[in-house]
């Protein structure tokens, strides 16, 4: 879905298994994505200029989408509940740093 925010035109994502799969769409919208949810479909219109925001990771796939969106966004993005990311992507910040990403972990107060 993050990729679709950068593509020209409209894309439709249909979810048939997990009814809350699109929770991250709201977070992407907070970053400036043009997404409309209609039942089990998300309609993504692009390209969208994404900007950094504080967002919450809701599951593994959503977390990856938020990381990718943050990489193309202007400004800083803070992703909360990163344990979802860690569950499926060990040391993701180190791996993406090799591709030029600037990701740092901050501890909760």
PDB file of N, CA and C in Angstrom:
ATOM      1  N   UNK A   1       0.822  -1.189   0.000  1.00  0.00           N
ATOM      2  CA  UNK A   1       0.000   0.000   0.000  1.00  0.00           C
ATOM      3  C   UNK A   1       0.868   1.255   0.000  1.00  0.00           C
ATOM      4  N   UNK A   2       1.992   1.216   0.710  1.00  0.00           N
ATOM      5  CA  UNK A   2       2.899   2.364   0.721  1.00  0.00           C
ATOM      6  C   UNK A   2       3.415   2.648  -0.691  1.00  0.00           C
ATOM      7  N   UNK A   3       3.775   1.612  -1.413  1.00  0.00           N
ATOM      8  CA  UNK A   3       4.236   1.775  -2.794  1.00  0.00           C
ATOM      9  C   UNK A   3       3.155   2.407  -3.652  1.00  0.00           C
ATOM     10  N   UNK A   4       1.936   1.988  -3.457  1.00  0.00           N
ATOM     11  CA  UNK A   4       0.832   2.518  -4.250  1.00  0.00           C
ATOM     12  C   UNK A   4       0.613   4.007  -4.035  1.00  0.00           C
ATOM     13  N   UNK A   5       1.007   4.529  -2.864  1.00  0.00           N
ATOM     14  CA  UNK A   5       0.857   5.972  -2.635  1.00  0.00           C
ATOM     15  C   UNK A   5       1.791   6.775  -3.529  1.00  0.00           C
ATOM     16  N   UNK A   6       2.812   6.131  -4.068  1.00  0.00           N
ATOM     17  CA  UNK A   6       3.794   6.828  -4.895  1.00  0.00           C
ATOM     18  C   UNK A   6       3.593   6.580  -6.388  1.00  0.00           C
ATOM     19  N   UNK A   7       2.734   5.648  -6.739  1.00  0.00           N
ATOM     20  CA  UNK A   7       2.493   5.310  -8.142  1.00  0.00           C
ATOM     21  C   UNK A   7       1.459   6.253  -8.752  1.00  0.00           C
ATOM     22  N   UNK A   8       1.524   6.426 -10.041  1.00  0.00           N
ATOM     23  CA  UNK A   8       0.564   7.245 -10.766  1.00  0.00           C
ATOM     24  C   UNK A   8      -0.725   6.464 -10.953  1.00  0.00           C
ATOM     25  N   UNK A   9      -1.865   7.065 -10.631  1.00  0.00           N
ATOM     26  CA  UNK A   9      -3.153   6.425 -10.857  1.00  0.00           C
ATOM     27  C   UNK A   9      -3.745   5.836  -9.590  1.00  0.00           C
ATOM     28  N   UNK A  10      -4.752   5.001  -9.777  1.00  0.00           N
ATOM     29  CA  UNK A  10      -5.469   4.398  -8.652  1.00  0.00           C
ATOM     30  C   UNK A  10      -5.190   2.905  -8.596  1.00  0.00           C
ATOM     31  N   UNK A  11      -5.158   2.391  -7.378  1.00  0.00           N
ATOM     32  CA  UNK A  11      -4.968   0.957  -7.152  1.00  0.00           C
ATOM     33  C   UNK A  11      -5.990   0.512  -6.117  1.00  0.00           C
ATOM     34  N   UNK A  12      -6.445  -0.718  -6.245  1.00  0.00           N
ATOM     35  CA  UNK A  12      -7.415  -1.269  -5.312  1.00  0.00           C
ATOM     36  C   UNK A  12      -6.796  -2.476  -4.617  1.00  0.00           C
ATOM     37  N   UNK A  13      -6.865  -2.473  -3.288  1.00  0.00           N
ATOM     38  CA  UNK A  13      -6.399  -3.603  -2.487  1.00  0.00           C
ATOM     39  C   UNK A  13      -7.637  -4.239  -1.863  1.00  0.00           C
ATOM     40  N   UNK A  14      -7.799  -5.534  -2.058  1.00  0.00           N
ATOM     41  CA  UNK A  14      -8.941  -6.251  -1.496  1.00  0.00           C
ATOM     42  C   UNK A  14      -8.445  -7.219  -0.446  1.00  0.00           C
ATOM     43  N   UNK A  15      -9.034  -7.154   0.732  1.00  0.00           N
ATOM     44  CA  UNK A  15      -8.670  -8.032   1.846  1.00  0.00           C
ATOM     45  C   UNK A  15      -9.803  -9.015   2.084  1.00  0.00           C
ATOM     46  N   UNK A  16      -9.508 -10.300   2.051  1.00  0.00           N
ATOM     47  CA  UNK A  16     -10.551 -11.309   2.230  1.00  0.00           C
ATOM     48  C   UNK A  16     -10.360 -12.175   3.472  1.00  0.00           C
ATOM     49  N   UNK A  17      -9.272 -11.935   4.225  1.00  0.00           N
ATOM     50  CA  UNK A  17      -8.995 -12.814   5.365  1.00  0.00           C
ATOM     51  C   UNK A  17      -9.106 -12.081   6.706  1.00  0.00           C
ATOM     52  N   UNK A  18      -8.295 -11.060   6.903  1.00  0.00           N
ATOM     53  CA  UNK A  18      -8.208 -10.378   8.199  1.00  0.00           C
ATOM     54  C   UNK A  18      -8.983  -9.069   8.125  1.00  0.00           C
ATOM     55  N   UNK A  19     -10.113  -8.986   8.818  1.00  0.00           N
ATOM     56  CA  UNK A  19     -11.010  -7.843   8.666  1.00  0.00           C
ATOM     57  C   UNK A  19     -10.416  -6.503   9.102  1.00  0.00           C
ATOM     58  N   UNK A  20      -9.420  -6.508   9.965  1.00  0.00           N
ATOM     59  CA  UNK A  20      -8.809  -5.248  10.417  1.00  0.00           C
ATOM     60  C   UNK A  20      -7.479  -4.960   9.734  1.00  0.00           C
ATOM     61  N   UNK A  21      -7.253  -5.530   8.570  1.00  0.00           N
ATOM     62  CA  UNK A  21      -5.972  -5.382   7.871  1.00  0.00           C
ATOM     63  C   UNK A  21      -5.663  -3.930   7.495  1.00  0.00           C
ATOM     64  N   UNK A  22      -6.674  -3.108   7.311  1.00  0.00           N
ATOM     65  CA  UNK A  22      -6.451  -1.750   6.823  1.00  0.00           C
ATOM     66  C   UNK A  22      -6.261  -0.721   7.937  1.00  0.00           C
ATOM     67  N   UNK A  23      -5.978  -1.167   9.151  1.00  0.00           N
ATOM     68  CA  UNK A  23      -5.759  -0.207  10.237  1.00  0.00           C
ATOM     69  C   UNK A  23      -4.615   0.745   9.905  1.00  0.00           C
ATOM     70  N   UNK A  24      -3.614   0.270   9.188  1.00  0.00           N
ATOM     71  CA  UNK A  24      -2.477   1.108   8.840  1.00  0.00           C
ATOM     72  C   UNK A  24      -2.822   2.144   7.775  1.00  0.00           C
ATOM     73  N   UNK A  25      -3.919   1.940   7.044  1.00  0.00           N
ATOM     74  CA  UNK A  25      -4.323   2.914   6.035  1.00  0.00           C
ATOM     75  C   UNK A  25      -4.606   4.265   6.683  1.00  0.00           C
ATOM     76  N   UNK A  26      -5.202   4.248   7.859  1.00  0.00           N
ATOM     77  CA  UNK A  26      -5.464   5.506   8.578  1.00  0.00           C
ATOM     78  C   UNK A  26      -4.157   6.205   8.943  1.00  0.00           C
ATOM     79  N   UNK A  27      -3.153   5.418   9.301  1.00  0.00           N
ATOM     80  CA  UNK A  27      -1.848   5.996   9.635  1.00  0.00           C
ATOM     81  C   UNK A  27      -1.197   6.576   8.378  1.00  0.00           C
ATOM     82  N   UNK A  28      -1.308   5.883   7.256  1.00  0.00           N
ATOM     83  CA  UNK A  28      -0.775   6.407   5.993  1.00  0.00           C
ATOM     84  C   UNK A  28      -1.501   7.688   5.597  1.00  0.00           C
ATOM     85  N   UNK A  29      -2.794   7.734   5.857  1.00  0.00           N
ATOM     86  CA  UNK A  29      -3.570   8.946   5.553  1.00  0.00           C
ATOM     87  C   UNK A  29      -3.092  10.117   6.413  1.00  0.00           C
ATOM     88  N   UNK A  30      -2.693   9.838   7.655  1.00  0.00           N
ATOM     89  CA  UNK A  30      -2.152  10.897   8.517  1.00  0.00           C
ATOM     90  C   UNK A  30      -0.862  11.462   7.931  1.00  0.00           C
ATOM     91  N   UNK A  31      -0.182  10.642   7.128  1.00  0.00           N
ATOM     92  CA  UNK A  31       1.063  11.079   6.486  1.00  0.00           C
ATOM     93  C   UNK A  31       0.791  11.761   5.141  1.00  0.00           C
ATOM     94  N   UNK A  32      -0.470  11.796   4.716  1.00  0.00           N
ATOM     95  CA  UNK A  32      -0.818  12.483   3.477  1.00  0.00           C
ATOM     96  C   UNK A  32      -1.272  11.583   2.344  1.00  0.00           C
ATOM     97  N   UNK A  33      -1.393  10.293   2.587  1.00  0.00           N
ATOM     98  CA  UNK A  33      -1.823   9.373   1.536  1.00  0.00           C
ATOM     99  C   UNK A  33      -3.294   9.602   1.199  1.00  0.00           C
ATOM    100  N   UNK A  34      -3.623   9.424  -0.064  1.00  0.00           N
ATOM    101  CA  UNK A  34      -4.996   9.552  -0.541  1.00  0.00           C
ATOM    102  C   UNK A  34      -5.584   8.143  -0.636  1.00  0.00           C
ATOM    103  N   UNK A  35      -6.219   7.713   0.453  1.00  0.00           N
ATOM    104  CA  UNK A  35      -6.766   6.353   0.537  1.00  0.00           C
ATOM    105  C   UNK A  35      -8.226   6.442   0.978  1.00  0.00           C
ATOM    106  N   UNK A  36      -9.059   5.659   0.336  1.00  0.00           N
ATOM    107  CA  UNK A  36     -10.469   5.570   0.700  1.00  0.00           C
ATOM    108  C   UNK A  36     -10.772   4.100   0.998  1.00  0.00           C
ATOM    109  N   UNK A  37     -11.382   3.848   2.141  1.00  0.00           N
ATOM    110  CA  UNK A  37     -11.739   2.488   2.532  1.00  0.00           C
ATOM    111  C   UNK A  37     -13.219   2.280   2.233  1.00  0.00           C
ATOM    112  N   UNK A  38     -13.507   1.218   1.500  1.00  0.00           N
ATOM    113  CA  UNK A  38     -14.892   0.841   1.197  1.00  0.00           C
ATOM    114  C   UNK A  38     -15.049  -0.637   1.499  1.00  0.00           C
ATOM    115  N   UNK A  39     -15.525  -0.925   2.703  1.00  0.00           N
ATOM    116  CA  UNK A  39     -15.689  -2.314   3.120  1.00  0.00           C
ATOM    117  C   UNK A  39     -14.353  -3.027   3.183  1.00  0.00           C
ATOM    118  N   UNK A  40     -14.202  -4.064   2.383  1.00  0.00           N
ATOM    119  CA  UNK A  40     -12.974  -4.860   2.368  1.00  0.00           C
ATOM    120  C   UNK A  40     -11.989  -4.396   1.299  1.00  0.00           C
ATOM    121  N   UNK A  41     -12.210  -3.189   0.769  1.00  0.00           N
ATOM    122  CA  UNK A  41     -11.309  -2.654  -0.247  1.00  0.00           C
ATOM    123  C   UNK A  41     -10.737  -1.315   0.188  1.00  0.00           C
ATOM    124  N   UNK A  42      -9.476  -1.113  -0.175  1.00  0.00           N
ATOM    125  CA  UNK A  42      -8.825   0.187   0.002  1.00  0.00           C
ATOM    126  C   UNK A  42      -8.486   0.685  -1.391  1.00  0.00           C
ATOM    127  N   UNK A  43      -8.919   1.897  -1.700  1.00  0.00           N
ATOM    128  CA  UNK A  43      -8.622   2.512  -2.983  1.00  0.00           C
ATOM    129  C   UNK A  43      -7.550   3.565  -2.732  1.00  0.00           C
ATOM    130  N   UNK A  44      -6.397   3.374  -3.355  1.00  0.00           N
ATOM    131  CA  UNK A  44      -5.251   4.257  -3.154  1.00  0.00           C
ATOM    132  C   UNK A  44      -5.032   5.055  -4.435  1.00  0.00           C
ATOM    133  N   UNK A  45      -5.062   6.380  -4.323  1.00  0.00           N
ATOM    134  CA  UNK A  45      -4.818   7.248  -5.477  1.00  0.00           C
ATOM    135  C   UNK A  45      -3.464   7.913  -5.295  1.00  0.00           C
ATOM    136  N   UNK A  46      -2.662   7.847  -6.320  1.00  0.00           N
ATOM    137  CA  UNK A  46      -1.331   8.420  -6.206  1.00  0.00           C
ATOM    138  C   UNK A  46      -0.975   9.208  -7.433  1.00  0.00           C
ATOM    139  N   UNK A  47       0.143   9.856  -7.395  1.00  0.00           N
ATOM    140  CA  UNK A  47       1.066   9.867  -6.256  1.00  0.00           C
ATOM    141  C   UNK A  47       0.657  10.879  -5.189  1.00  0.00           C
ATOM    142  N   UNK A  48       1.063  10.613  -3.949  1.00  0.00           N
ATOM    143  CA  UNK A  48       0.828  11.500  -2.813  1.00  0.00           C
ATOM    144  C   UNK A  48       2.157  11.924  -2.218  1.00  0.00           C
ATOM    145  N   UNK A  49       2.258  13.185  -1.853  1.00  0.00           N
ATOM    146  CA  UNK A  49       3.436  13.671  -1.136  1.00  0.00           C
ATOM    147  C   UNK A  49       3.239  13.335   0.333  1.00  0.00           C
ATOM    148  N   UNK A  50       4.007  12.403   0.841  1.00  0.00           N
ATOM    149  CA  UNK A  50       3.887  12.009   2.246  1.00  0.00           C
ATOM    150  C   UNK A  50       4.771  12.884   3.115  1.00  0.00           C
ATOM    151  N   UNK A  51       4.279  13.172   4.313  1.00  0.00           N
ATOM    152  CA  UNK A  51       5.057  13.941   5.280  1.00  0.00           C
ATOM    153  C   UNK A  51       5.137  13.148   6.580  1.00  0.00           C
ATOM    154  N   UNK A  52       6.210  13.371   7.307  1.00  0.00           N
ATOM    155  CA  UNK A  52       6.435  12.654   8.552  1.00  0.00           C
ATOM    156  C   UNK A  52       5.326  12.901   9.557  1.00  0.00           C
ATOM    157  N   UNK A  53       5.055  11.899  10.371  1.00  0.00           N
ATOM    158  CA  UNK A  53       4.021  11.985  11.401  1.00  0.00           C
ATOM    159  C   UNK A  53       4.312  10.937  12.469  1.00  0.00           C
ATOM    160  N   UNK A  54       3.634  11.045  13.588  1.00  0.00           N
ATOM    161  CA  UNK A  54       3.687  10.000  14.607  1.00  0.00           C
ATOM    162  C   UNK A  54       2.604   9.000  14.268  1.00  0.00           C
ATOM    163  N   UNK A  55       3.002   7.746  14.055  1.00  0.00           N
ATOM    164  CA  UNK A  55       2.060   6.706  13.653  1.00  0.00           C
ATOM    165  C   UNK A  55       2.213   5.493  14.550  1.00  0.00           C
ATOM    166  N   UNK A  56       1.217   4.613  14.503  1.00  0.00           N
ATOM    167  CA  UNK A  56       1.209   3.424  15.345  1.00  0.00           C
ATOM    168  C   UNK A  56       1.166   2.184  14.462  1.00  0.00           C
ATOM    169  N   UNK A  57       2.097   1.274  14.698  1.00  0.00           N
ATOM    170  CA  UNK A  57       2.137   0.010  13.970  1.00  0.00           C
ATOM    171  C   UNK A  57       1.117  -0.939  14.586  1.00  0.00           C
ATOM    172  N   UNK A  58       0.271  -1.525  13.744  1.00  0.00           N
ATOM    173  CA  UNK A  58      -0.802  -2.380  14.262  1.00  0.00           C
ATOM    174  C   UNK A  58      -0.554  -3.870  14.040  1.00  0.00           C
ATOM    175  N   UNK A  59       0.261  -4.220  13.059  1.00  0.00           N
ATOM    176  CA  UNK A  59       0.596  -5.618  12.813  1.00  0.00           C
ATOM    177  C   UNK A  59       1.861  -5.660  11.966  1.00  0.00           C
ATOM    178  N   UNK A  60       2.329  -6.843  11.667  1.00  0.00           N
ATOM    179  CA  UNK A  60       3.607  -7.005  10.973  1.00  0.00           C
ATOM    180  C   UNK A  60       3.615  -6.349   9.593  1.00  0.00           C
ATOM    181  N   UNK A  61       2.640  -6.663   8.755  1.00  0.00           N
ATOM    182  CA  UNK A  61       2.612  -6.103   7.401  1.00  0.00           C
ATOM    183  C   UNK A  61       2.391  -4.597   7.423  1.00  0.00           C
ATOM    184  N   UNK A  62       1.520  -4.152   8.300  1.00  0.00           N
ATOM    185  CA  UNK A  62       1.268  -2.714   8.428  1.00  0.00           C
ATOM    186  C   UNK A  62       2.539  -1.984   8.848  1.00  0.00           C
ATOM    187  N   UNK A  63       3.290  -2.595   9.739  1.00  0.00           N
ATOM    188  CA  UNK A  63       4.535  -1.990  10.208  1.00  0.00           C
ATOM    189  C   UNK A  63       5.516  -1.789   9.073  1.00  0.00           C
ATOM    190  N   UNK A  64       5.656  -2.791   8.233  1.00  0.00           N
ATOM    191  CA  UNK A  64       6.560  -2.689   7.086  1.00  0.00           C
ATOM    192  C   UNK A  64       6.101  -1.588   6.148  1.00  0.00           C
ATOM    193  N   UNK A  65       4.818  -1.473   5.947  1.00  0.00           N
ATOM    194  CA  UNK A  65       4.270  -0.432   5.084  1.00  0.00           C
ATOM    195  C   UNK A  65       4.574   0.954   5.647  1.00  0.00           C
ATOM    196  N   UNK A  66       4.456   1.107   6.959  1.00  0.00           N
ATOM    197  CA  UNK A  66       4.742   2.405   7.577  1.00  0.00           C
ATOM    198  C   UNK A  66       6.224   2.760   7.480  1.00  0.00           C
ATOM    199  N   UNK A  67       7.086   1.777   7.608  1.00  0.00           N
ATOM    200  CA  UNK A  67       8.524   2.028   7.459  1.00  0.00           C
ATOM    201  C   UNK A  67       8.821   2.502   6.041  1.00  0.00           C
ATOM    202  N   UNK A  68       8.263   1.818   5.046  1.00  0.00           N
ATOM    203  CA  UNK A  68       8.489   2.207   3.657  1.00  0.00           C
ATOM    204  C   UNK A  68       7.932   3.605   3.372  1.00  0.00           C
ATOM    205  N   UNK A  69       6.755   3.896   3.901  1.00  0.00           N
ATOM    206  CA  UNK A  69       6.173   5.225   3.713  1.00  0.00           C
ATOM    207  C   UNK A  69       7.053   6.288   4.357  1.00  0.00           C
ATOM    208  N   UNK A  70       7.584   5.989   5.532  1.00  0.00           N
ATOM    209  CA  UNK A  70       8.448   6.946   6.229  1.00  0.00           C
ATOM    210  C   UNK A  70       9.714   7.241   5.432  1.00  0.00           C
ATOM    211  N   UNK A  71      10.202   6.242   4.703  1.00  0.00           N
ATOM    212  CA  UNK A  71      11.418   6.437   3.922  1.00  0.00           C
ATOM    213  C   UNK A  71      11.223   7.412   2.767  1.00  0.00           C
ATOM    214  N   UNK A  72      10.011   7.510   2.234  1.00  0.00           N
ATOM    215  CA  UNK A  72       9.766   8.450   1.130  1.00  0.00           C
ATOM    216  C   UNK A  72       9.156   9.758   1.601  1.00  0.00           C
ATOM    217  N   UNK A  73       8.764   9.821   2.864  1.00  0.00           N
ATOM    218  CA  UNK A  73       8.135  11.025   3.402  1.00  0.00           C
ATOM    219  C   UNK A  73       9.173  12.115   3.666  1.00  0.00           C
ATOM    220  N   UNK A  74       8.724  13.358   3.564  1.00  0.00           N
ATOM    221  CA  UNK A  74       9.576  14.468   3.984  1.00  0.00           C
ATOM    222  C   UNK A  74       9.403  14.630   5.493  1.00  0.00           C
ATOM    223  N   UNK A  75      10.467  15.028   6.155  1.00  0.00           N
ATOM    224  CA  UNK A  75      10.407  15.189   7.598  1.00  0.00           C
ATOM    225  C   UNK A  75      10.619  13.871   8.316  1.00  0.00           C
ATOM    226  N   UNK A  76      10.362  13.889   9.609  1.00  0.00           N
ATOM    227  CA  UNK A  76      10.590  12.705  10.437  1.00  0.00           C
ATOM    228  C   UNK A  76       9.291  11.995  10.751  1.00  0.00           C
ATOM    229  N   UNK A  77       9.372  10.682  10.796  1.00  0.00           N
ATOM    230  CA  UNK A  77       8.238   9.848  11.179  1.00  0.00           C
ATOM    231  C   UNK A  77       8.639   9.047  12.401  1.00  0.00           C
ATOM    232  N   UNK A  78       7.757   9.017  13.378  1.00  0.00           N
ATOM    233  CA  UNK A  78       7.986   8.213  14.581  1.00  0.00           C
ATOM    234  C   UNK A  78       6.951   7.098  14.588  1.00  0.00           C
ATOM    235  N   UNK A  79       7.443   5.863  14.628  1.00  0.00           N
ATOM    236  CA  UNK A  79       6.563   4.703  14.611  1.00  0.00           C
ATOM    237  C   UNK A  79       6.549   4.081  16.003  1.00  0.00           C
ATOM    238  N   UNK A  80       5.361   4.000  16.587  1.00  0.00           N
ATOM    239  CA  UNK A  80       5.195   3.417  17.918  1.00  0.00           C
ATOM    240  C   UNK A  80       4.761   1.960  17.772  1.00  0.00           C
ATOM    241  N   UNK A  81       5.031   1.167  18.803  1.00  0.00           N
ATOM    242  CA  UNK A  81       4.722  -0.265  18.848  1.00  0.00           C
ATOM    243  C   UNK A  81       5.556  -1.036  17.823  1.00  0.00           C
ATOM    244  N   UNK A  82       6.862  -0.761  17.810  1.00  0.00           N
ATOM    245  CA  UNK A  82       7.751  -1.392  16.833  1.00  0.00           C
ATOM    246  C   UNK A  82       7.999  -2.874  17.101  1.00  0.00           C
ATOM    247  N   UNK A  83       7.479  -3.400  18.199  1.00  0.00           N
ATOM    248  CA  UNK A  83       7.656  -4.833  18.435  1.00  0.00           C
ATOM    249  C   UNK A  83       7.021  -5.647  17.307  1.00  0.00           C
ATOM    250  N   UNK A  84       6.033  -5.090  16.635  1.00  0.00           N
ATOM    251  CA  UNK A  84       5.469  -5.770  15.471  1.00  0.00           C
ATOM    252  C   UNK A  84       6.526  -5.901  14.371  1.00  0.00           C
ATOM    253  N   UNK A  85       7.273  -4.831  14.140  1.00  0.00           N
ATOM    254  CA  UNK A  85       8.325  -4.836  13.124  1.00  0.00           C
ATOM    255  C   UNK A  85       9.403  -5.849  13.510  1.00  0.00           C
ATOM    256  N   UNK A  86       9.828  -5.806  14.761  1.00  0.00           N
ATOM    257  CA  UNK A  86      10.897  -6.688  15.237  1.00  0.00           C
ATOM    258  C   UNK A  86      10.528  -8.160  15.132  1.00  0.00           C
ATOM    259  N   UNK A  87       9.253  -8.459  15.224  1.00  0.00           N
ATOM    260  CA  UNK A  87       8.798  -9.843  15.153  1.00  0.00           C
ATOM    261  C   UNK A  87       9.100 -10.468  13.788  1.00  0.00           C
ATOM    262  N   UNK A  88       9.101  -9.650  12.734  1.00  0.00           N
ATOM    263  CA  UNK A  88       9.296 -10.213  11.405  1.00  0.00           C
ATOM    264  C   UNK A  88      10.516  -9.715  10.663  1.00  0.00           C
ATOM    265  N   UNK A  89      11.111  -8.621  11.148  1.00  0.00           N
ATOM    266  CA  UNK A  89      12.247  -8.016  10.438  1.00  0.00           C
ATOM    267  C   UNK A  89      13.363  -7.715  11.433  1.00  0.00           C
ATOM    268  N   UNK A  90      14.201  -8.692  11.668  1.00  0.00           N
ATOM    269  CA  UNK A  90      15.282  -8.543  12.638  1.00  0.00           C
ATOM    270  C   UNK A  90      16.270  -7.472  12.177  1.00  0.00           C
ATOM    271  N   UNK A  91      16.564  -6.515  13.061  1.00  0.00           N
ATOM    272  CA  UNK A  91      17.522  -5.425  12.812  1.00  0.00           C
ATOM    273  C   UNK A  91      17.232  -4.693  11.495  1.00  0.00           C
ATOM    274  N   UNK A  92      15.978  -4.378  11.275  1.00  0.00           N
ATOM    275  CA  UNK A  92      15.571  -3.729  10.025  1.00  0.00           C
ATOM    276  C   UNK A  92      16.290  -2.404   9.806  1.00  0.00           C
ATOM    277  N   UNK A  93      16.557  -1.675  10.877  1.00  0.00           N
ATOM    278  CA  UNK A  93      17.217  -0.376  10.722  1.00  0.00           C
ATOM    279  C   UNK A  93      18.639  -0.528  10.186  1.00  0.00           C
ATOM    280  N   UNK A  94      19.327  -1.592  10.599  1.00  0.00           N
ATOM    281  CA  UNK A  94      20.682  -1.841  10.097  1.00  0.00           C
ATOM    282  C   UNK A  94      20.660  -2.235   8.619  1.00  0.00           C
ATOM    283  N   UNK A  95      19.716  -3.072   8.265  1.00  0.00           N
ATOM    284  CA  UNK A  95      19.619  -3.532   6.880  1.00  0.00           C
ATOM    285  C   UNK A  95      19.252  -2.398   5.935  1.00  0.00           C
ATOM    286  N   UNK A  96      18.302  -1.567   6.332  1.00  0.00           N
ATOM    287  CA  UNK A  96      17.897  -0.458   5.464  1.00  0.00           C
ATOM    288  C   UNK A  96      18.946   0.652   5.440  1.00  0.00           C
ATOM    289  N   UNK A  97      19.759   0.747   6.475  1.00  0.00           N
ATOM    290  CA  UNK A  97      20.846   1.739   6.484  1.00  0.00           C
ATOM    291  C   UNK A  97      21.830   1.448   5.352  1.00  0.00           C
ATOM    292  N   UNK A  98      22.012   0.183   5.027  1.00  0.00           N
ATOM    293  CA  UNK A  98      22.898  -0.179   3.921  1.00  0.00           C
ATOM    294  C   UNK A  98      22.392   0.343   2.579  1.00  0.00           C
ATOM    295  N   UNK A  99      21.084   0.642   2.519  1.00  0.00           N
ATOM    296  CA  UNK A  99      20.493   1.189   1.303  1.00  0.00           C
ATOM    297  C   UNK A  99      20.327   2.707   1.403  1.00  0.00           C
ATOM    298  N   UNK A 100      20.878   3.294   2.472  1.00  0.00           N
ATOM    299  CA  UNK A 100      20.845   4.745   2.623  1.00  0.00           C
ATOM    300  C   UNK A 100      19.789   5.286   3.566  1.00  0.00           C
ATOM    301  N   UNK A 101      19.012   4.430   4.209  1.00  0.00           N
ATOM    302  CA  UNK A 101      17.973   4.886   5.136  1.00  0.00           C
ATOM    303  C   UNK A 101      18.589   5.413   6.427  1.00  0.00           C
ATOM    304  N   UNK A 102      17.930   6.393   7.003  1.00  0.00           N
ATOM    305  CA  UNK A 102      18.355   6.931   8.286  1.00  0.00           C
ATOM    306  C   UNK A 102      17.273   6.610   9.307  1.00  0.00           C
ATOM    307  N   UNK A 103      17.467   5.516  10.025  1.00  0.00           N
ATOM    308  CA  UNK A 103      16.497   5.049  11.017  1.00  0.00           C
ATOM    309  C   UNK A 103      17.207   4.932  12.349  1.00  0.00           C
ATOM    310  N   UNK A 104      16.577   5.461  13.381  1.00  0.00           N
ATOM    311  CA  UNK A 104      17.149   5.301  14.717  1.00  0.00           C
ATOM    312  C   UNK A 104      16.049   4.936  15.689  1.00  0.00           C
ATOM    313  N   UNK A 105      16.439   4.164  16.663  1.00  0.00           N
ATOM    314  CA  UNK A 105      15.495   3.754  17.718  1.00  0.00           C
ATOM    315  C   UNK A 105      15.607   4.738  18.867  1.00  0.00           C
ATOM    316  N   UNK A 106      14.459   5.098  19.402  1.00  0.00           N
ATOM    317  CA  UNK A 106      14.445   5.922  20.612  1.00  0.00           C
ATOM    318  C   UNK A 106      13.701   5.155  21.691  1.00  0.00           C
ATOM    319  N   UNK A 107      14.146   5.315  22.884  1.00  0.00           N
ATOM    320  CA  UNK A 107      13.521   4.602  24.001  1.00  0.00           C
ATOM    321  C   UNK A 107      12.359   5.424  24.526  1.00  0.00           C
ATOM    322  N   UNK A 108      11.355   4.670  24.993  1.00  0.00           N
ATOM    323  CA  UNK A 108      10.208   5.346  25.620  1.00  0.00           C
ATOM    324  C   UNK A 108      10.623   5.924  26.949  1.00  0.00           C
ATOM    325  N   UNK A 109       9.995   7.010  27.322  1.00  0.00           N
ATOM    326  CA  UNK A 109      10.320   7.678  28.592  1.00  0.00           C
ATOM    327  C   UNK A 109       9.650   7.031  29.746  1.00  0.00           C
TER     328      UNK A 109
END
